[in-house]
């Protein structure tokens, strides 16, 4: 398959590009400016609403991963606007081009997030659960809604509601590792909030699986075993062979991230189940947390 990938230079995008090549597919980067590598590319500017006229020529599938990082900066009003606009504008542009294409791609896998569900305590959340409240839930609803203009058929649309992606190279895990390796990592608050995660390997393999399996609509990209933050902390400490006794003080997180982002990112509870993947027969490489952490950190048991 010839697969157009936005966000191809990010953590997930780079891993996906490698996975596509390994599986014999032809990835095409959708980028703001051409990169000096061996892969074909097309350019776009979502803010300006422009894209190369031939970007979709011969493309069988589109995987849309681009968007302003959720936790890269404090949530000022301007930053929150960038987070929303980068997702809605990019998705809208791709959706419009797919809708008007003479030969549209057969698959459009569009980025999304489990932030859709909001802070839900111990409630078990599936793809049929109602949306939650808050900024991230509002962003995801608008993000997914931007694909509604895509005719289905001929293009199958899947929204990948992604959880915490575990990778030593970035995402939510990498910034924590130096503290845990020093033995000063700990739970956040009382640790009762649920964290729904997925290994970077399963993230890539699930995306590849979605390209060739007849699945549409919302798809939770999370492992089948969500854990509480306390359990996550304990397991990471076990894998790294370091103590995890002291909780992280909330003021330290406020200082770094600001209060609203800290609450939404680290204290919200989302017990998400990958019902669609499970019911349609996807086989997880890393179904439990310890196995996943050992794999991504190269720490055999």
C-alpha atoms as a PDB file:
ATOM      1  CA  UNK A   1       0.000   0.000   0.000  1.00  0.00           C
ATOM      2  CA  UNK A   2       1.033   3.572  -0.601  1.00  0.00           C
ATOM      3  CA  UNK A   3       0.348   5.349   2.723  1.00  0.00           C
ATOM      4  CA  UNK A   4       0.391   9.103   3.280  1.00  0.00           C
ATOM      5  CA  UNK A   5       1.481   9.860   6.863  1.00  0.00           C
ATOM      6  CA  UNK A   6       1.129  13.223   8.589  1.00  0.00           C
ATOM      7  CA  UNK A   7       3.099  13.737  11.784  1.00  0.00           C
ATOM      8  CA  UNK A   8       5.692  11.372  10.312  1.00  0.00           C
ATOM      9  CA  UNK A   9       8.571  13.036  12.181  1.00  0.00           C
ATOM     10  CA  UNK A  10       7.018  12.573  15.631  1.00  0.00           C
ATOM     11  CA  UNK A  11       7.487   9.688  18.052  1.00  0.00           C
ATOM     12  CA  UNK A  12       4.637   7.570  16.692  1.00  0.00           C
ATOM     13  CA  UNK A  13       5.004   8.739  13.099  1.00  0.00           C
ATOM     14  CA  UNK A  14       8.677   7.789  12.809  1.00  0.00           C
ATOM     15  CA  UNK A  15       7.985   4.376  14.324  1.00  0.00           C
ATOM     16  CA  UNK A  16       5.066   3.894  11.938  1.00  0.00           C
ATOM     17  CA  UNK A  17       7.163   4.842   8.905  1.00  0.00           C
ATOM     18  CA  UNK A  18       9.729   2.211   9.904  1.00  0.00           C
ATOM     19  CA  UNK A  19       6.941  -0.325  10.373  1.00  0.00           C
ATOM     20  CA  UNK A  20       5.421   0.433   6.984  1.00  0.00           C
ATOM     21  CA  UNK A  21       8.777  -0.037   5.263  1.00  0.00           C
ATOM     22  CA  UNK A  22       9.382  -3.304   7.145  1.00  0.00           C
ATOM     23  CA  UNK A  23       5.975  -4.606   6.025  1.00  0.00           C
ATOM     24  CA  UNK A  24       6.677  -3.779   2.380  1.00  0.00           C
ATOM     25  CA  UNK A  25       4.423  -0.706   2.173  1.00  0.00           C
ATOM     26  CA  UNK A  26       5.404   2.639   0.665  1.00  0.00           C
ATOM     27  CA  UNK A  27       5.124   5.497   3.173  1.00  0.00           C
ATOM     28  CA  UNK A  28       4.842   9.065   1.917  1.00  0.00           C
ATOM     29  CA  UNK A  29       5.612  11.816   4.406  1.00  0.00           C
ATOM     30  CA  UNK A  30       3.170  14.726   4.595  1.00  0.00           C
ATOM     31  CA  UNK A  31       5.379  17.507   5.921  1.00  0.00           C
ATOM     32  CA  UNK A  32       5.720  21.278   6.030  1.00  0.00           C
ATOM     33  CA  UNK A  33       9.045  21.101   4.195  1.00  0.00           C
ATOM     34  CA  UNK A  34      10.765  18.236   2.420  1.00  0.00           C
ATOM     35  CA  UNK A  35      13.159  16.109   4.487  1.00  0.00           C
ATOM     36  CA  UNK A  36      16.521  14.916   3.151  1.00  0.00           C
ATOM     37  CA  UNK A  37      15.797  11.185   3.307  1.00  0.00           C
ATOM     38  CA  UNK A  38      14.993   8.457   0.796  1.00  0.00           C
ATOM     39  CA  UNK A  39      11.222   8.517   1.293  1.00  0.00           C
ATOM     40  CA  UNK A  40       8.810  10.350  -1.000  1.00  0.00           C
ATOM     41  CA  UNK A  41       7.046  13.325   0.542  1.00  0.00           C
ATOM     42  CA  UNK A  42       4.336  15.904  -0.043  1.00  0.00           C
ATOM     43  CA  UNK A  43       4.042  19.299   1.597  1.00  0.00           C
ATOM     44  CA  UNK A  44       1.167  21.044   3.333  1.00  0.00           C
ATOM     45  CA  UNK A  45       0.405  23.960   5.597  1.00  0.00           C
ATOM     46  CA  UNK A  46      -2.729  23.235   7.644  1.00  0.00           C
ATOM     47  CA  UNK A  47      -2.934  26.761   9.053  1.00  0.00           C
ATOM     48  CA  UNK A  48      -2.950  28.216   5.553  1.00  0.00           C
ATOM     49  CA  UNK A  49      -5.205  25.455   4.209  1.00  0.00           C
ATOM     50  CA  UNK A  50      -2.753  24.432   1.487  1.00  0.00           C
ATOM     51  CA  UNK A  51      -1.467  21.053   0.312  1.00  0.00           C
ATOM     52  CA  UNK A  52       0.331  19.798  -2.770  1.00  0.00           C
ATOM     53  CA  UNK A  53      -2.264  19.143  -5.460  1.00  0.00           C
ATOM     54  CA  UNK A  54      -0.840  15.671  -6.110  1.00  0.00           C
ATOM     55  CA  UNK A  55      -0.456  14.664  -2.440  1.00  0.00           C
ATOM     56  CA  UNK A  56      -3.166  12.003  -2.687  1.00  0.00           C
ATOM     57  CA  UNK A  57      -2.205  10.691  -6.119  1.00  0.00           C
ATOM     58  CA  UNK A  58      -1.912   6.918  -5.976  1.00  0.00           C
ATOM     59  CA  UNK A  59      -2.419   6.885  -2.207  1.00  0.00           C
ATOM     60  CA  UNK A  60      -4.258   3.849  -0.798  1.00  0.00           C
ATOM     61  CA  UNK A  61      -4.458   5.035   2.817  1.00  0.00           C
ATOM     62  CA  UNK A  62      -3.916   8.119   4.953  1.00  0.00           C
ATOM     63  CA  UNK A  63      -2.718   8.009   8.566  1.00  0.00           C
ATOM     64  CA  UNK A  64      -3.111  11.405  10.201  1.00  0.00           C
ATOM     65  CA  UNK A  65      -0.992  11.890  13.341  1.00  0.00           C
ATOM     66  CA  UNK A  66      -0.074  15.588  13.203  1.00  0.00           C
ATOM     67  CA  UNK A  67      -0.981  18.067  15.933  1.00  0.00           C
ATOM     68  CA  UNK A  68       0.463  20.415  18.553  1.00  0.00           C
ATOM     69  CA  UNK A  69       1.847  18.490  21.537  1.00  0.00           C
ATOM     70  CA  UNK A  70      -0.576  18.358  24.454  1.00  0.00           C
ATOM     71  CA  UNK A  71       2.068  18.653  27.158  1.00  0.00           C
ATOM     72  CA  UNK A  72       4.823  20.595  25.427  1.00  0.00           C
ATOM     73  CA  UNK A  73       3.878  23.924  27.016  1.00  0.00           C
ATOM     74  CA  UNK A  74       1.705  25.321  29.789  1.00  0.00           C
ATOM     75  CA  UNK A  75      -1.934  25.708  28.877  1.00  0.00           C
ATOM     76  CA  UNK A  76      -2.211  29.427  28.306  1.00  0.00           C
ATOM     77  CA  UNK A  77      -5.261  30.526  26.304  1.00  0.00           C
ATOM     78  CA  UNK A  78      -3.004  30.894  23.254  1.00  0.00           C
ATOM     79  CA  UNK A  79      -1.515  27.413  23.667  1.00  0.00           C
ATOM     80  CA  UNK A  80      -4.951  25.829  24.110  1.00  0.00           C
ATOM     81  CA  UNK A  81      -6.042  27.532  20.890  1.00  0.00           C
ATOM     82  CA  UNK A  82      -2.983  26.088  19.101  1.00  0.00           C
ATOM     83  CA  UNK A  83      -3.767  22.594  20.403  1.00  0.00           C
ATOM     84  CA  UNK A  84      -7.340  22.795  19.125  1.00  0.00           C
ATOM     85  CA  UNK A  85      -6.624  24.590  15.854  1.00  0.00           C
ATOM     86  CA  UNK A  86      -3.721  22.314  14.862  1.00  0.00           C
ATOM     87  CA  UNK A  87      -5.964  19.277  15.120  1.00  0.00           C
ATOM     88  CA  UNK A  88      -9.140  20.635  13.587  1.00  0.00           C
ATOM     89  CA  UNK A  89      -7.443  22.562  10.771  1.00  0.00           C
ATOM     90  CA  UNK A  90      -5.205  19.673   9.706  1.00  0.00           C
ATOM     91  CA  UNK A  91      -7.989  17.105   9.883  1.00  0.00           C
ATOM     92  CA  UNK A  92     -10.401  19.364   8.016  1.00  0.00           C
ATOM     93  CA  UNK A  93      -7.878  19.969   5.228  1.00  0.00           C
ATOM     94  CA  UNK A  94      -7.217  16.260   4.759  1.00  0.00           C
ATOM     95  CA  UNK A  95     -10.922  15.438   4.931  1.00  0.00           C
ATOM     96  CA  UNK A  96     -11.743  18.051   2.289  1.00  0.00           C
ATOM     97  CA  UNK A  97      -9.049  16.775  -0.041  1.00  0.00           C
ATOM     98  CA  UNK A  98     -10.159  13.155   0.417  1.00  0.00           C
ATOM     99  CA  UNK A  99     -13.794  14.115  -0.147  1.00  0.00           C
ATOM    100  CA  UNK A 100     -12.971  15.887  -3.408  1.00  0.00           C
ATOM    101  CA  UNK A 101     -10.424  13.387  -4.750  1.00  0.00           C
ATOM    102  CA  UNK A 102     -11.208  11.661  -8.031  1.00  0.00           C
ATOM    103  CA  UNK A 103      -9.697   8.456  -6.627  1.00  0.00           C
ATOM    104  CA  UNK A 104      -9.889   8.778  -2.835  1.00  0.00           C
ATOM    105  CA  UNK A 105      -7.913   6.510  -0.505  1.00  0.00           C
ATOM    106  CA  UNK A 106      -9.778   3.501   0.805  1.00  0.00           C
ATOM    107  CA  UNK A 107      -8.732   4.160   4.414  1.00  0.00           C
ATOM    108  CA  UNK A 108      -8.415   7.295   6.551  1.00  0.00           C
ATOM    109  CA  UNK A 109      -6.988   6.594  10.016  1.00  0.00           C
ATOM    110  CA  UNK A 110      -7.308   9.852  11.910  1.00  0.00           C
ATOM    111  CA  UNK A 111      -5.671  10.726  15.206  1.00  0.00           C
ATOM    112  CA  UNK A 112      -7.716  11.006  18.375  1.00  0.00           C
ATOM    113  CA  UNK A 113      -7.211  10.448  22.099  1.00  0.00           C
ATOM    114  CA  UNK A 114      -8.759   8.910  25.197  1.00  0.00           C
ATOM    115  CA  UNK A 115      -9.132  12.476  26.442  1.00  0.00           C
ATOM    116  CA  UNK A 116     -12.538  12.089  24.744  1.00  0.00           C
ATOM    117  CA  UNK A 117     -13.813  10.383  27.913  1.00  0.00           C
ATOM    118  CA  UNK A 118     -12.779  13.050  30.420  1.00  0.00           C
ATOM    119  CA  UNK A 119     -12.108  12.264  34.090  1.00  0.00           C
ATOM    120  CA  UNK A 120     -14.268   9.187  34.834  1.00  0.00           C
ATOM    121  CA  UNK A 121     -12.928   7.610  38.030  1.00  0.00           C
ATOM    122  CA  UNK A 122     -13.286   3.801  38.099  1.00  0.00           C
ATOM    123  CA  UNK A 123     -15.837   3.628  35.259  1.00  0.00           C
ATOM    124  CA  UNK A 124     -14.948   1.110  32.548  1.00  0.00           C
ATOM    125  CA  UNK A 125     -14.830   2.983  29.253  1.00  0.00           C
ATOM    126  CA  UNK A 126     -15.366   1.511  25.794  1.00  0.00           C
ATOM    127  CA  UNK A 127     -15.793   3.005  22.357  1.00  0.00           C
ATOM    128  CA  UNK A 128     -19.543   3.319  23.000  1.00  0.00           C
ATOM    129  CA  UNK A 129     -19.129   5.348  26.214  1.00  0.00           C
ATOM    130  CA  UNK A 130     -20.425   8.904  26.215  1.00  0.00           C
ATOM    131  CA  UNK A 131     -17.944  11.798  25.894  1.00  0.00           C
ATOM    132  CA  UNK A 132     -16.702  13.451  29.051  1.00  0.00           C
ATOM    133  CA  UNK A 133     -16.250  17.070  30.037  1.00  0.00           C
ATOM    134  CA  UNK A 134     -13.267  19.406  29.955  1.00  0.00           C
ATOM    135  CA  UNK A 135     -10.884  20.955  27.477  1.00  0.00           C
ATOM    136  CA  UNK A 136      -9.410  17.723  26.119  1.00  0.00           C
ATOM    137  CA  UNK A 137     -12.827  16.138  25.673  1.00  0.00           C
ATOM    138  CA  UNK A 138     -13.957  19.215  23.753  1.00  0.00           C
ATOM    139  CA  UNK A 139     -10.830  19.086  21.575  1.00  0.00           C
ATOM    140  CA  UNK A 140     -11.315  15.415  20.714  1.00  0.00           C
ATOM    141  CA  UNK A 141     -14.976  15.848  19.813  1.00  0.00           C
ATOM    142  CA  UNK A 142     -14.078  18.661  17.410  1.00  0.00           C
ATOM    143  CA  UNK A 143     -11.092  16.680  16.104  1.00  0.00           C
ATOM    144  CA  UNK A 144     -13.166  13.607  15.290  1.00  0.00           C
ATOM    145  CA  UNK A 145     -16.016  15.725  13.971  1.00  0.00           C
ATOM    146  CA  UNK A 146     -13.735  17.260  11.352  1.00  0.00           C
ATOM    147  CA  UNK A 147     -13.768  13.967   9.419  1.00  0.00           C
ATOM    148  CA  UNK A 148     -17.545  13.923   8.942  1.00  0.00           C
ATOM    149  CA  UNK A 149     -17.350  15.326   5.413  1.00  0.00           C
ATOM    150  CA  UNK A 150     -15.463  12.240   4.171  1.00  0.00           C
ATOM    151  CA  UNK A 151     -17.831  10.017   2.142  1.00  0.00           C
ATOM    152  CA  UNK A 152     -18.012   6.529   3.688  1.00  0.00           C
ATOM    153  CA  UNK A 153     -17.876   4.617   1.406  1.00  0.00           C
ATOM    154  CA  UNK A 154     -15.637   4.776  -0.529  1.00  0.00           C
ATOM    155  CA  UNK A 155     -13.282   5.792   2.302  1.00  0.00           C
ATOM    156  CA  UNK A 156     -13.314   3.908   5.585  1.00  0.00           C
ATOM    157  CA  UNK A 157     -12.636   6.268   8.527  1.00  0.00           C
ATOM    158  CA  UNK A 158     -11.214   5.125  11.876  1.00  0.00           C
ATOM    159  CA  UNK A 159     -10.566   7.425  14.855  1.00  0.00           C
ATOM    160  CA  UNK A 160      -7.689   6.124  16.976  1.00  0.00           C
ATOM    161  CA  UNK A 161      -8.340   7.108  20.596  1.00  0.00           C
ATOM    162  CA  UNK A 162      -4.795   6.707  21.831  1.00  0.00           C
ATOM    163  CA  UNK A 163      -3.726   6.280  25.438  1.00  0.00           C
ATOM    164  CA  UNK A 164      -0.316   6.825  27.046  1.00  0.00           C
ATOM    165  CA  UNK A 165       2.245   5.547  24.532  1.00  0.00           C
ATOM    166  CA  UNK A 166       5.183   3.846  26.233  1.00  0.00           C
ATOM    167  CA  UNK A 167       8.547   4.475  24.606  1.00  0.00           C
ATOM    168  CA  UNK A 168      12.015   5.172  25.935  1.00  0.00           C
ATOM    169  CA  UNK A 169      12.462   7.723  23.155  1.00  0.00           C
ATOM    170  CA  UNK A 170       9.709  10.167  24.078  1.00  0.00           C
ATOM    171  CA  UNK A 171       6.096  10.521  25.069  1.00  0.00           C
ATOM    172  CA  UNK A 172       5.014  10.404  28.712  1.00  0.00           C
ATOM    173  CA  UNK A 173       7.519   7.777  29.850  1.00  0.00           C
ATOM    174  CA  UNK A 174      10.864   9.240  28.775  1.00  0.00           C
ATOM    175  CA  UNK A 175      10.733  12.376  30.985  1.00  0.00           C
ATOM    176  CA  UNK A 176      10.034  10.207  34.048  1.00  0.00           C
ATOM    177  CA  UNK A 177      12.933   7.809  33.556  1.00  0.00           C
ATOM    178  CA  UNK A 178      15.784   9.963  34.953  1.00  0.00           C
ATOM    179  CA  UNK A 179      13.904  10.441  38.233  1.00  0.00           C
ATOM    180  CA  UNK A 180      12.969   6.772  38.558  1.00  0.00           C
ATOM    181  CA  UNK A 181      16.516   5.679  37.746  1.00  0.00           C
ATOM    182  CA  UNK A 182      17.735   7.903  40.596  1.00  0.00           C
ATOM    183  CA  UNK A 183      15.235   6.317  42.953  1.00  0.00           C
ATOM    184  CA  UNK A 184      13.200   9.490  43.398  1.00  0.00           C
ATOM    185  CA  UNK A 185      10.251   8.575  41.201  1.00  0.00           C
ATOM    186  CA  UNK A 186       6.919   8.072  42.909  1.00  0.00           C
ATOM    187  CA  UNK A 187       3.175   7.963  42.565  1.00  0.00           C
ATOM    188  CA  UNK A 188       1.173  11.055  41.694  1.00  0.00           C
ATOM    189  CA  UNK A 189      -1.280  12.026  44.406  1.00  0.00           C
ATOM    190  CA  UNK A 190      -2.798   8.962  46.041  1.00  0.00           C
ATOM    191  CA  UNK A 191      -2.162   6.997  42.859  1.00  0.00           C
ATOM    192  CA  UNK A 192      -5.770   5.851  42.498  1.00  0.00           C
ATOM    193  CA  UNK A 193      -6.285   7.418  39.058  1.00  0.00           C
ATOM    194  CA  UNK A 194      -6.400   4.953  36.152  1.00  0.00           C
ATOM    195  CA  UNK A 195      -3.777   5.213  33.422  1.00  0.00           C
ATOM    196  CA  UNK A 196      -4.546   3.554  30.087  1.00  0.00           C
ATOM    197  CA  UNK A 197      -1.386   2.834  28.148  1.00  0.00           C
ATOM    198  CA  UNK A 198      -0.057   1.075  25.041  1.00  0.00           C
ATOM    199  CA  UNK A 199       3.483   0.098  24.054  1.00  0.00           C
ATOM    200  CA  UNK A 200       4.991   1.816  21.025  1.00  0.00           C
ATOM    201  CA  UNK A 201       5.236  -1.608  19.334  1.00  0.00           C
ATOM    202  CA  UNK A 202       1.524  -2.261  19.777  1.00  0.00           C
ATOM    203  CA  UNK A 203       0.744   1.279  18.705  1.00  0.00           C
ATOM    204  CA  UNK A 204       2.499   0.703  15.384  1.00  0.00           C
ATOM    205  CA  UNK A 205       1.203  -2.815  14.850  1.00  0.00           C
ATOM    206  CA  UNK A 206      -2.360  -1.738  15.642  1.00  0.00           C
ATOM    207  CA  UNK A 207      -2.069   1.052  13.062  1.00  0.00           C
ATOM    208  CA  UNK A 208      -0.775  -1.425  10.476  1.00  0.00           C
ATOM    209  CA  UNK A 209      -3.615  -3.795  11.402  1.00  0.00           C
ATOM    210  CA  UNK A 210      -6.193  -1.042  10.930  1.00  0.00           C
ATOM    211  CA  UNK A 211      -5.004  -0.443   7.384  1.00  0.00           C
ATOM    212  CA  UNK A 212      -6.060  -3.912   6.280  1.00  0.00           C
ATOM    213  CA  UNK A 213      -8.969  -4.798   8.582  1.00  0.00           C
ATOM    214  CA  UNK A 214     -12.492  -3.560   7.960  1.00  0.00           C
ATOM    215  CA  UNK A 215     -12.827  -1.461  11.120  1.00  0.00           C
ATOM    216  CA  UNK A 216     -14.323   2.000  11.235  1.00  0.00           C
ATOM    217  CA  UNK A 217     -15.389   4.581  13.797  1.00  0.00           C
ATOM    218  CA  UNK A 218     -13.777   4.961  17.218  1.00  0.00           C
ATOM    219  CA  UNK A 219     -11.007   2.525  18.147  1.00  0.00           C
ATOM    220  CA  UNK A 220      -9.379   2.645  21.580  1.00  0.00           C
ATOM    221  CA  UNK A 221      -5.640   2.167  21.122  1.00  0.00           C
ATOM    222  CA  UNK A 222      -4.846   1.036  24.640  1.00  0.00           C
ATOM    223  CA  UNK A 223      -3.602  -2.217  26.144  1.00  0.00           C
ATOM    224  CA  UNK A 224      -6.204  -4.575  27.641  1.00  0.00           C
ATOM    225  CA  UNK A 225      -4.858  -4.037  31.177  1.00  0.00           C
ATOM    226  CA  UNK A 226      -5.113  -0.411  32.327  1.00  0.00           C
ATOM    227  CA  UNK A 227      -3.504   0.199  35.709  1.00  0.00           C
ATOM    228  CA  UNK A 228      -3.711   2.759  38.473  1.00  0.00           C
ATOM    229  CA  UNK A 229      -0.928   5.287  38.749  1.00  0.00           C
ATOM    230  CA  UNK A 230       0.190   3.567  41.946  1.00  0.00           C
ATOM    231  CA  UNK A 231       0.511   0.247  40.120  1.00  0.00           C
ATOM    232  CA  UNK A 232       2.268   1.915  37.194  1.00  0.00           C
ATOM    233  CA  UNK A 233       4.766   3.482  39.602  1.00  0.00           C
ATOM    234  CA  UNK A 234       5.387   0.214  41.433  1.00  0.00           C
ATOM    235  CA  UNK A 235       5.879  -1.726  38.202  1.00  0.00           C
ATOM    236  CA  UNK A 236       8.269   0.828  36.706  1.00  0.00           C
ATOM    237  CA  UNK A 237      10.294   0.772  39.917  1.00  0.00           C
ATOM    238  CA  UNK A 238      10.414  -3.037  39.792  1.00  0.00           C
ATOM    239  CA  UNK A 239      11.630  -3.064  36.178  1.00  0.00           C
ATOM    240  CA  UNK A 240      14.312  -0.449  36.937  1.00  0.00           C
ATOM    241  CA  UNK A 241      15.120  -2.015  40.336  1.00  0.00           C
ATOM    242  CA  UNK A 242      14.667   1.263  42.139  1.00  0.00           C
ATOM    243  CA  UNK A 243      12.549   2.310  45.132  1.00  0.00           C
ATOM    244  CA  UNK A 244       9.339   4.274  44.529  1.00  0.00           C
ATOM    245  CA  UNK A 245       8.462   5.397  48.033  1.00  0.00           C
ATOM    246  CA  UNK A 246       7.943   9.146  47.955  1.00  0.00           C
ATOM    247  CA  UNK A 247       4.976  10.622  46.098  1.00  0.00           C
ATOM    248  CA  UNK A 248       5.631  13.487  43.705  1.00  0.00           C
ATOM    249  CA  UNK A 249       4.465  16.730  45.340  1.00  0.00           C
ATOM    250  CA  UNK A 250       1.719  18.477  43.418  1.00  0.00           C
ATOM    251  CA  UNK A 251       3.344  21.953  43.711  1.00  0.00           C
ATOM    252  CA  UNK A 252       6.373  20.640  41.806  1.00  0.00           C
ATOM    253  CA  UNK A 253       4.100  19.558  38.971  1.00  0.00           C
ATOM    254  CA  UNK A 254       2.220  22.861  39.065  1.00  0.00           C
ATOM    255  CA  UNK A 255       5.527  24.692  38.748  1.00  0.00           C
ATOM    256  CA  UNK A 256       6.483  22.745  35.644  1.00  0.00           C
ATOM    257  CA  UNK A 257       3.160  22.225  33.889  1.00  0.00           C
ATOM    258  CA  UNK A 258       0.676  24.635  35.427  1.00  0.00           C
ATOM    259  CA  UNK A 259      -2.405  23.595  37.391  1.00  0.00           C
ATOM    260  CA  UNK A 260      -4.858  22.858  34.584  1.00  0.00           C
ATOM    261  CA  UNK A 261      -2.481  20.731  32.527  1.00  0.00           C
ATOM    262  CA  UNK A 262      -1.298  18.866  35.643  1.00  0.00           C
ATOM    263  CA  UNK A 263      -4.856  17.963  36.567  1.00  0.00           C
ATOM    264  CA  UNK A 264      -5.909  16.957  33.055  1.00  0.00           C
ATOM    265  CA  UNK A 265      -2.772  15.006  32.184  1.00  0.00           C
ATOM    266  CA  UNK A 266      -1.708  13.360  35.424  1.00  0.00           C
ATOM    267  CA  UNK A 267      -4.637  13.300  37.852  1.00  0.00           C
ATOM    268  CA  UNK A 268      -7.521  12.467  35.518  1.00  0.00           C
ATOM    269  CA  UNK A 269      -8.703   8.865  35.645  1.00  0.00           C
ATOM    270  CA  UNK A 270      -9.550   6.952  32.459  1.00  0.00           C
ATOM    271  CA  UNK A 271     -10.059   3.193  32.671  1.00  0.00           C
ATOM    272  CA  UNK A 272     -10.229   2.481  28.966  1.00  0.00           C
ATOM    273  CA  UNK A 273     -10.780  -0.916  27.368  1.00  0.00           C
ATOM    274  CA  UNK A 274      -9.786  -1.706  23.734  1.00  0.00           C
ATOM    275  CA  UNK A 275     -13.092  -3.424  22.969  1.00  0.00           C
ATOM    276  CA  UNK A 276     -12.945  -3.031  19.182  1.00  0.00           C
ATOM    277  CA  UNK A 277      -9.388  -4.364  18.880  1.00  0.00           C
ATOM    278  CA  UNK A 278     -10.126  -7.246  21.228  1.00  0.00           C
ATOM    279  CA  UNK A 279     -13.417  -8.233  19.619  1.00  0.00           C
ATOM    280  CA  UNK A 280     -12.008  -8.056  16.085  1.00  0.00           C
ATOM    281  CA  UNK A 281      -9.083 -10.330  16.909  1.00  0.00           C
ATOM    282  CA  UNK A 282      -6.095  -8.009  17.251  1.00  0.00           C
ATOM    283  CA  UNK A 283      -3.319  -9.797  19.168  1.00  0.00           C
ATOM    284  CA  UNK A 284      -1.359  -7.570  21.535  1.00  0.00           C
ATOM    285  CA  UNK A 285       2.416  -7.920  21.634  1.00  0.00           C
ATOM    286  CA  UNK A 286       2.518  -6.473  25.141  1.00  0.00           C
ATOM    287  CA  UNK A 287      -0.790  -7.041  26.938  1.00  0.00           C
ATOM    288  CA  UNK A 288       0.537  -6.400  30.459  1.00  0.00           C
ATOM    289  CA  UNK A 289       2.484  -3.457  31.824  1.00  0.00           C
ATOM    290  CA  UNK A 290       5.587  -5.202  33.127  1.00  0.00           C
ATOM    291  CA  UNK A 291       6.153  -6.980  29.841  1.00  0.00           C
ATOM    292  CA  UNK A 292       5.659  -3.724  27.952  1.00  0.00           C
ATOM    293  CA  UNK A 293       8.071  -1.753  30.127  1.00  0.00           C
ATOM    294  CA  UNK A 294      10.726  -4.457  29.890  1.00  0.00           C
ATOM    295  CA  UNK A 295      10.383  -4.425  26.106  1.00  0.00           C
ATOM    296  CA  UNK A 296      10.571  -0.658  25.612  1.00  0.00           C
ATOM    297  CA  UNK A 297      13.367  -0.247  28.173  1.00  0.00           C
ATOM    298  CA  UNK A 298      15.254  -3.370  27.039  1.00  0.00           C
ATOM    299  CA  UNK A 299      15.178  -4.826  30.552  1.00  0.00           C
ATOM    300  CA  UNK A 300      14.638  -8.593  30.298  1.00  0.00           C
ATOM    301  CA  UNK A 301      13.203 -10.221  33.378  1.00  0.00           C
END
